[in-house]
Amino acid sequence: MATWRGKTFIEYSIEALKEVVTDVVVISNPAITNDLLHILHVPVVEDIAMYKGKGPLAGLLTGMEFVDADWYIVAPCDTPNVSKEWAMAFIERVDEAYEAIVPLVEGRKQPLLALYHHRAKEKIERLLKEDKRSMQGLLSHCKTQYITAEESQLSKGLFLNVNTKEEYSQLQNRK
């Protein structure tokens, strides 16, 4: 698990989200579930059996099954800059007319750093039953509000994704 400044990326996300939501749950890959259970102080669960290994869409559905809520915040494990400010900026935009509230950063949709209404659950189930796993595909089926970093008045750095060794090295060299 990737670390930065003495914590795993996911610990940063959990700390930020615990300040603004009632329930935090981590949806985990079976290979690291036991490791996470030892370091995290929130529930750690694996995908629903019938959708195990079907990607982030299955993880979102699993979270929706595990926690009863109107809205769900999604934050992936490769975003160390997730913050309370980020979560609040998007929670303040909650509008029951939408099923998803998604950041748009430099023209790119960020469906894994987003909010989803429980009404999206049926659409997720339908997509997974059709073996369609794309988060972008989900957005095309949901009434979605897109919010730019500028509109949210948040730094683009909050949306930093660390997916490669080079990106990780760059992050480690930051102060």
C-alpha atoms as a PDB file:
ATOM      1  CA  MET A   1       0.000   0.000   0.000  1.00  0.00           C
ATOM      2  CA  ALA A   2       1.310   3.394  -0.958  1.00  0.00           C
ATOM      3  CA  THR A   3       2.270   5.739   1.853  1.00  0.00           C
ATOM      4  CA  TRP A   4       2.950   9.435   2.068  1.00  0.00           C
ATOM      5  CA  ARG A   5       4.126  11.360   5.104  1.00  0.00           C
ATOM      6  CA  GLY A   6       3.803   8.300   7.311  1.00  0.00           C
ATOM      7  CA  LYS A   7       0.280   7.209   6.371  1.00  0.00           C
ATOM      8  CA  THR A   8      -1.313   5.145   3.653  1.00  0.00           C
ATOM      9  CA  PHE A   9      -3.237   7.106   1.042  1.00  0.00           C
ATOM     10  CA  ILE A  10      -6.448   5.534   2.243  1.00  0.00           C
ATOM     11  CA  GLU A  11      -5.858   6.724   5.807  1.00  0.00           C
ATOM     12  CA  TYR A  12      -5.854  10.319   4.539  1.00  0.00           C
ATOM     13  CA  SER A  13      -9.184   9.756   2.797  1.00  0.00           C
ATOM     14  CA  ILE A  14     -10.740   8.111   5.841  1.00  0.00           C
ATOM     15  CA  GLU A  15      -9.632  10.914   8.169  1.00  0.00           C
ATOM     16  CA  ALA A  16     -11.106  13.539   5.849  1.00  0.00           C
ATOM     17  CA  LEU A  17     -14.388  11.720   5.288  1.00  0.00           C
ATOM     18  CA  LYS A  18     -14.939  10.850   8.951  1.00  0.00           C
ATOM     19  CA  GLU A  19     -15.228  14.576   9.629  1.00  0.00           C
ATOM     20  CA  VAL A  20     -18.203  15.007   7.299  1.00  0.00           C
ATOM     21  CA  VAL A  21     -20.105  11.721   6.944  1.00  0.00           C
ATOM     22  CA  THR A  22     -21.747   9.307   9.352  1.00  0.00           C
ATOM     23  CA  ASP A  23     -20.386   6.023   7.975  1.00  0.00           C
ATOM     24  CA  VAL A  24     -17.116   5.236   6.232  1.00  0.00           C
ATOM     25  CA  VAL A  25     -16.537   1.822   4.706  1.00  0.00           C
ATOM     26  CA  VAL A  26     -13.593   0.608   2.645  1.00  0.00           C
ATOM     27  CA  ILE A  27     -14.289  -1.747  -0.238  1.00  0.00           C
ATOM     28  CA  SER A  28     -11.169  -3.851  -0.627  1.00  0.00           C
ATOM     29  CA  ASN A  29      -9.402  -6.200  -2.956  1.00  0.00           C
ATOM     30  CA  PRO A  30      -9.217  -9.632  -1.260  1.00  0.00           C
ATOM     31  CA  ALA A  31      -5.416  -9.596  -1.518  1.00  0.00           C
ATOM     32  CA  ILE A  32      -5.142  -6.700   0.952  1.00  0.00           C
ATOM     33  CA  THR A  33      -8.280  -6.982   3.094  1.00  0.00           C
ATOM     34  CA  ASN A  34      -6.461  -8.485   6.087  1.00  0.00           C
ATOM     35  CA  ASP A  35      -3.720  -5.848   5.943  1.00  0.00           C
ATOM     36  CA  LEU A  36      -6.335  -3.088   5.881  1.00  0.00           C
ATOM     37  CA  LEU A  37      -8.251  -4.584   8.786  1.00  0.00           C
ATOM     38  CA  HIS A  38      -5.103  -4.260  10.915  1.00  0.00           C
ATOM     39  CA  ILE A  39      -4.436  -0.581  10.159  1.00  0.00           C
ATOM     40  CA  LEU A  40      -7.858   0.968   9.588  1.00  0.00           C
ATOM     41  CA  HIS A  41     -10.530   1.646  12.171  1.00  0.00           C
ATOM     42  CA  VAL A  42     -13.501   1.408   9.837  1.00  0.00           C
ATOM     43  CA  PRO A  43     -15.301  -1.564   8.290  1.00  0.00           C
ATOM     44  CA  VAL A  44     -13.394  -3.187   5.423  1.00  0.00           C
ATOM     45  CA  VAL A  45     -15.476  -5.369   3.105  1.00  0.00           C
ATOM     46  CA  GLU A  46     -14.985  -7.144  -0.191  1.00  0.00           C
ATOM     47  CA  ASP A  47     -17.210  -6.891  -3.250  1.00  0.00           C
ATOM     48  CA  ILE A  48     -20.561  -8.645  -3.232  1.00  0.00           C
ATOM     49  CA  ALA A  49     -19.818 -12.247  -4.245  1.00  0.00           C
ATOM     50  CA  MET A  50     -21.627 -12.193  -7.589  1.00  0.00           C
ATOM     51  CA  TYR A  51     -19.703  -9.052  -8.651  1.00  0.00           C
ATOM     52  CA  LYS A  52     -16.328  -9.821  -7.087  1.00  0.00           C
ATOM     53  CA  GLY A  53     -13.517  -8.501  -9.250  1.00  0.00           C
ATOM     54  CA  LYS A  54     -15.833  -6.441 -11.461  1.00  0.00           C
ATOM     55  CA  GLY A  55     -14.088  -3.140 -10.708  1.00  0.00           C
ATOM     56  CA  PRO A  56     -15.098   0.166  -9.131  1.00  0.00           C
ATOM     57  CA  LEU A  57     -18.725  -0.119 -10.184  1.00  0.00           C
ATOM     58  CA  ALA A  58     -19.010  -3.316  -8.123  1.00  0.00           C
ATOM     59  CA  GLY A  59     -17.278  -1.550  -5.245  1.00  0.00           C
ATOM     60  CA  LEU A  60     -19.788   1.292  -5.372  1.00  0.00           C
ATOM     61  CA  LEU A  61     -22.687  -1.162  -5.363  1.00  0.00           C
ATOM     62  CA  THR A  62     -21.119  -3.028  -2.436  1.00  0.00           C
ATOM     63  CA  GLY A  63     -20.850   0.212  -0.472  1.00  0.00           C
ATOM     64  CA  MET A  64     -24.485   0.983  -1.239  1.00  0.00           C
ATOM     65  CA  GLU A  65     -25.478  -2.454   0.040  1.00  0.00           C
ATOM     66  CA  PHE A  66     -23.369  -2.098   3.193  1.00  0.00           C
ATOM     67  CA  VAL A  67     -24.445   1.423   4.218  1.00  0.00           C
ATOM     68  CA  ASP A  68     -27.982   2.796   4.042  1.00  0.00           C
ATOM     69  CA  ALA A  69     -27.810   6.417   2.886  1.00  0.00           C
ATOM     70  CA  ASP A  70     -29.317   8.877   0.456  1.00  0.00           C
ATOM     71  CA  TRP A  71     -25.917   9.931  -0.939  1.00  0.00           C
ATOM     72  CA  TYR A  72     -22.585   8.120  -1.136  1.00  0.00           C
ATOM     73  CA  ILE A  73     -19.164   9.728  -1.418  1.00  0.00           C
ATOM     74  CA  VAL A  74     -16.622   7.761  -3.427  1.00  0.00           C
ATOM     75  CA  ALA A  75     -12.893   8.308  -2.962  1.00  0.00           C
ATOM     76  CA  PRO A  76     -10.362   5.917  -4.512  1.00  0.00           C
ATOM     77  CA  CYS A  77      -7.273   4.642  -2.728  1.00  0.00           C
ATOM     78  CA  ASP A  78      -4.865   6.470  -5.066  1.00  0.00           C
ATOM     79  CA  THR A  79      -5.830  10.033  -4.117  1.00  0.00           C
ATOM     80  CA  PRO A  80      -3.812  11.153  -1.091  1.00  0.00           C
ATOM     81  CA  ASN A  81      -5.099  14.737  -1.151  1.00  0.00           C
ATOM     82  CA  VAL A  82      -8.758  13.986  -0.481  1.00  0.00           C
ATOM     83  CA  SER A  83      -9.780  16.483   2.168  1.00  0.00           C
ATOM     84  CA  LYS A  84     -12.650  17.602   4.341  1.00  0.00           C
ATOM     85  CA  GLU A  85     -12.809  20.729   2.160  1.00  0.00           C
ATOM     86  CA  TRP A  86     -13.224  18.611  -0.968  1.00  0.00           C
ATOM     87  CA  ALA A  87     -15.996  16.552   0.613  1.00  0.00           C
ATOM     88  CA  MET A  88     -17.803  19.625   1.949  1.00  0.00           C
ATOM     89  CA  ALA A  89     -17.570  21.444  -1.392  1.00  0.00           C
ATOM     90  CA  PHE A  90     -19.383  18.564  -3.066  1.00  0.00           C
ATOM     91  CA  ILE A  91     -21.827  17.852  -0.244  1.00  0.00           C
ATOM     92  CA  GLU A  92     -22.888  21.501  -0.407  1.00  0.00           C
ATOM     93  CA  ARG A  93     -23.803  20.901  -4.075  1.00  0.00           C
ATOM     94  CA  VAL A  94     -26.160  18.024  -3.280  1.00  0.00           C
ATOM     95  CA  ASP A  95     -29.282  18.454  -5.355  1.00  0.00           C
ATOM     96  CA  GLU A  96     -32.004  15.808  -5.353  1.00  0.00           C
ATOM     97  CA  ALA A  97     -32.551  16.453  -9.073  1.00  0.00           C
ATOM     98  CA  TYR A  98     -29.270  14.624  -9.766  1.00  0.00           C
ATOM     99  CA  GLU A  99     -28.054  11.065  -9.322  1.00  0.00           C
ATOM    100  CA  ALA A 100     -24.353  11.907  -9.504  1.00  0.00           C
ATOM    101  CA  ILE A 101     -22.201  14.920  -8.674  1.00  0.00           C
ATOM    102  CA  VAL A 102     -18.839  14.597 -10.388  1.00  0.00           C
ATOM    103  CA  PRO A 103     -15.718  16.769 -10.540  1.00  0.00           C
ATOM    104  CA  LEU A 104     -14.546  17.901 -13.941  1.00  0.00           C
ATOM    105  CA  VAL A 105     -10.799  18.560 -13.759  1.00  0.00           C
ATOM    106  CA  GLU A 106      -9.057  19.987 -16.801  1.00  0.00           C
ATOM    107  CA  GLY A 107     -11.920  18.696 -18.929  1.00  0.00           C
ATOM    108  CA  ARG A 108     -11.756  15.153 -17.513  1.00  0.00           C
ATOM    109  CA  LYS A 109     -14.588  13.552 -15.570  1.00  0.00           C
ATOM    110  CA  GLN A 110     -13.527  12.113 -12.205  1.00  0.00           C
ATOM    111  CA  PRO A 111     -16.221   9.507 -11.431  1.00  0.00           C
ATOM    112  CA  LEU A 112     -14.156   7.933  -8.659  1.00  0.00           C
ATOM    113  CA  LEU A 113     -14.048  11.194  -6.679  1.00  0.00           C
ATOM    114  CA  ALA A 114     -17.759  11.829  -6.704  1.00  0.00           C
ATOM    115  CA  LEU A 115     -21.114  11.623  -4.971  1.00  0.00           C
ATOM    116  CA  TYR A 116     -23.857   9.202  -6.005  1.00  0.00           C
ATOM    117  CA  HIS A 117     -27.505   9.184  -4.990  1.00  0.00           C
ATOM    118  CA  HIS A 118     -29.051   5.884  -3.918  1.00  0.00           C
ATOM    119  CA  ARG A 119     -31.290   6.093  -7.016  1.00  0.00           C
ATOM    120  CA  ALA A 120     -28.205   5.218  -9.085  1.00  0.00           C
ATOM    121  CA  LYS A 121     -28.094   1.787  -7.445  1.00  0.00           C
ATOM    122  CA  GLU A 122     -30.607   0.210  -9.845  1.00  0.00           C
ATOM    123  CA  LYS A 123     -28.609   1.509 -12.802  1.00  0.00           C
ATOM    124  CA  ILE A 124     -25.397   0.087 -11.363  1.00  0.00           C
ATOM    125  CA  GLU A 125     -27.032  -3.314 -10.841  1.00  0.00           C
ATOM    126  CA  ARG A 126     -28.364  -3.314 -14.401  1.00  0.00           C
ATOM    127  CA  LEU A 127     -24.960  -2.394 -15.856  1.00  0.00           C
ATOM    128  CA  LEU A 128     -23.181  -5.090 -13.851  1.00  0.00           C
ATOM    129  CA  LYS A 129     -25.751  -7.719 -14.880  1.00  0.00           C
ATOM    130  CA  GLU A 130     -24.974  -6.759 -18.486  1.00  0.00           C
ATOM    131  CA  ASP A 131     -21.243  -7.110 -17.635  1.00  0.00           C
ATOM    132  CA  LYS A 132     -20.722  -3.401 -18.270  1.00  0.00           C
ATOM    133  CA  ARG A 133     -18.217  -2.117 -15.730  1.00  0.00           C
ATOM    134  CA  SER A 134     -17.434   1.415 -16.838  1.00  0.00           C
ATOM    135  CA  MET A 135     -17.888   4.274 -14.373  1.00  0.00           C
ATOM    136  CA  GLN A 136     -18.152   6.554 -17.412  1.00  0.00           C
ATOM    137  CA  GLY A 137     -20.938   4.284 -18.652  1.00  0.00           C
ATOM    138  CA  LEU A 138     -22.756   4.774 -15.368  1.00  0.00           C
ATOM    139  CA  LEU A 139     -22.515   8.541 -15.780  1.00  0.00           C
ATOM    140  CA  SER A 140     -24.122   8.279 -19.212  1.00  0.00           C
ATOM    141  CA  HIS A 141     -27.137   6.626 -17.543  1.00  0.00           C
ATOM    142  CA  CYS A 142     -27.392   9.067 -14.632  1.00  0.00           C
ATOM    143  CA  LYS A 143     -28.543  12.641 -14.433  1.00  0.00           C
ATOM    144  CA  THR A 144     -25.152  14.098 -13.559  1.00  0.00           C
ATOM    145  CA  GLN A 145     -24.047  17.482 -12.307  1.00  0.00           C
ATOM    146  CA  TYR A 146     -20.440  18.258 -13.269  1.00  0.00           C
ATOM    147  CA  ILE A 147     -18.493  20.711 -11.146  1.00  0.00           C
ATOM    148  CA  THR A 148     -15.155  22.149 -12.210  1.00  0.00           C
ATOM    149  CA  ALA A 149     -12.324  22.704  -9.750  1.00  0.00           C
ATOM    150  CA  GLU A 150     -12.812  26.418 -10.351  1.00  0.00           C
ATOM    151  CA  GLU A 151     -16.545  26.260  -9.562  1.00  0.00           C
ATOM    152  CA  SER A 152     -15.849  24.359  -6.365  1.00  0.00           C
ATOM    153  CA  GLN A 153     -13.065  26.829  -5.520  1.00  0.00           C
ATOM    154  CA  LEU A 154     -10.766  23.902  -4.780  1.00  0.00           C
ATOM    155  CA  SER A 155      -7.188  23.415  -5.836  1.00  0.00           C
ATOM    156  CA  LYS A 156      -6.677  20.988  -8.721  1.00  0.00           C
ATOM    157  CA  GLY A 157      -4.102  19.315  -6.458  1.00  0.00           C
ATOM    158  CA  LEU A 158      -6.928  17.898  -4.342  1.00  0.00           C
ATOM    159  CA  PHE A 159      -7.842  15.722  -7.313  1.00  0.00           C
ATOM    160  CA  LEU A 160      -4.325  14.310  -7.706  1.00  0.00           C
ATOM    161  CA  ASN A 161      -4.331  10.642  -8.728  1.00  0.00           C
ATOM    162  CA  VAL A 162      -1.172   8.624  -8.146  1.00  0.00           C
ATOM    163  CA  ASN A 163      -1.203   5.717 -10.597  1.00  0.00           C
ATOM    164  CA  THR A 164       2.415   5.229 -11.656  1.00  0.00           C
ATOM    165  CA  LYS A 165       5.800   4.886  -9.986  1.00  0.00           C
ATOM    166  CA  GLU A 166       6.779   8.209 -11.553  1.00  0.00           C
ATOM    167  CA  GLU A 167       3.753   9.994 -10.072  1.00  0.00           C
ATOM    168  CA  TYR A 168       4.460   8.379  -6.704  1.00  0.00           C
ATOM    169  CA  SER A 169       8.079   9.523  -6.846  1.00  0.00           C
ATOM    170  CA  GLN A 170       6.964  13.076  -7.680  1.00  0.00           C
ATOM    171  CA  LEU A 171       4.569  13.031  -4.731  1.00  0.00           C
ATOM    172  CA  GLN A 172       7.280  11.776  -2.366  1.00  0.00           C
ATOM    173  CA  ASN A 173       9.527  14.676  -3.411  1.00  0.00           C
ATOM    174  CA  ARG A 174       6.896  17.300  -2.532  1.00  0.00           C
ATOM    175  CA  LYS A 175       7.159  19.137   0.748  1.00  0.00           C
END
